[in-house]
Protein backbone atom coordinates (compact mmCIF):
# COMPACT_ATOMS: atom_id res chain seq x y z
CA MET A 1 7.61 -16.56 17.78
CA ASP A 2 8.54 -16.73 21.45
CA ALA A 3 7.46 -14.22 24.11
CA LYS A 4 10.65 -12.14 23.87
CA GLN A 5 10.41 -11.82 20.09
CA ARG A 6 6.66 -11.07 20.40
CA GLU A 7 7.47 -8.17 22.77
CA ILE A 8 10.06 -6.83 20.32
CA ALA A 9 7.65 -7.20 17.38
CA ASP A 10 4.98 -5.25 19.26
CA LYS A 11 7.45 -2.42 19.92
CA ILE A 12 8.47 -2.38 16.25
CA LYS A 13 4.79 -2.13 15.28
CA LYS A 14 4.49 0.86 17.62
CA ILE A 15 7.51 2.48 15.92
CA LEU A 16 5.85 1.99 12.52
CA VAL A 17 2.52 3.36 13.72
CA ASP A 18 4.01 6.35 15.56
CA ASN A 19 6.80 7.33 13.14
CA LEU A 20 5.26 6.40 9.79
CA ARG A 21 1.58 6.81 10.70
CA LEU A 22 0.69 3.36 9.42
CA PRO A 23 -2.61 1.77 10.43
CA GLU A 24 -1.90 -0.87 13.06
CA GLU A 25 -4.43 -3.29 11.59
CA ASP A 26 -2.31 -3.52 8.39
CA LEU A 27 0.82 -4.53 10.30
CA THR A 28 0.75 -8.30 10.53
CA ASP A 29 3.97 -10.07 11.45
CA ASP A 30 4.41 -11.46 7.94
CA ALA A 31 3.22 -8.50 5.82
CA LYS A 32 5.91 -7.39 3.36
CA LEU A 33 7.04 -3.93 4.50
CA PHE A 34 8.42 -2.98 1.07
CA GLY A 35 6.33 -3.78 -1.98
CA ASP A 36 2.65 -4.52 -2.37
CA ASP A 37 1.59 -5.23 1.24
CA ILE A 38 2.65 -2.08 3.15
CA GLY A 39 4.47 -0.16 0.41
CA LEU A 40 7.30 1.47 2.35
CA ASP A 41 10.23 3.12 0.56
CA SER A 42 13.90 3.88 1.28
CA VAL A 43 13.06 7.06 3.22
CA ASP A 44 10.75 5.01 5.44
CA SER A 45 13.58 2.54 6.06
CA LEU A 46 15.62 5.38 7.58
CA GLU A 47 12.76 6.06 10.02
CA ILE A 48 12.70 2.37 10.94
CA ILE A 49 16.49 2.33 11.46
CA ALA A 50 16.33 5.42 13.70
CA GLY A 51 13.37 4.08 15.68
CA ILE A 52 14.97 0.69 16.31
CA ASP A 53 18.27 2.29 17.31
CA GLN A 54 16.48 4.61 19.74
CA GLU A 55 14.17 1.94 21.21
CA PHE A 56 16.57 -1.00 21.42
CA GLY A 57 20.09 0.42 20.97
CA VAL A 58 20.58 -1.90 17.98
CA SER A 59 22.16 -0.39 14.88
CA MET A 60 20.58 -1.41 11.58
CA MET A 61 22.95 0.62 9.38
CA GLY A 62 24.43 -1.53 6.64
CA VAL A 63 22.20 -4.49 7.49
CA ASP A 64 21.15 -6.74 4.61
CA ARG A 65 17.74 -6.02 3.15
CA GLU A 66 16.57 -9.54 4.08
CA HIS A 67 16.20 -8.35 7.70
CA PHE A 68 13.81 -5.59 6.58
CA GLN A 69 11.28 -7.83 4.83
CA THR A 70 8.67 -8.16 7.59
CA ILE A 71 8.08 -7.28 11.22
CA GLU A 72 8.99 -10.88 12.04
CA THR A 73 12.41 -10.64 10.33
CA LEU A 74 13.06 -7.25 11.95
CA SER A 75 12.17 -8.55 15.41
CA LYS A 76 14.38 -11.62 14.96
CA TYR A 77 17.33 -9.43 13.93
CA VAL A 78 16.82 -7.12 16.92
CA MET A 79 16.48 -10.06 19.32
CA ASP A 80 19.65 -11.69 17.96
CA ASN A 81 21.61 -8.43 18.30
CA LEU A 82 20.36 -6.97 21.59
CA ASP A 83 23.44 -7.88 23.59
CA LYS A 84 26.09 -7.17 20.94
């Protein structure tokens, strides 16, 4: 992960901590957000979408679920779509 993606990942972690009240120590870059690792649900995904849109101006509506798997996949999607 390069420095730009690292910065984005750190901001996404902050969104998850602030909006979903998740413990920061559980949020590794490769932890599965949905399922056994973190255990988020579809309502939580709406909070993530809103937080990313507000923080980065990147819309996540209608985005494939593969981009929501981990903080790393989310940060890559945001980085790839910042200037679109």
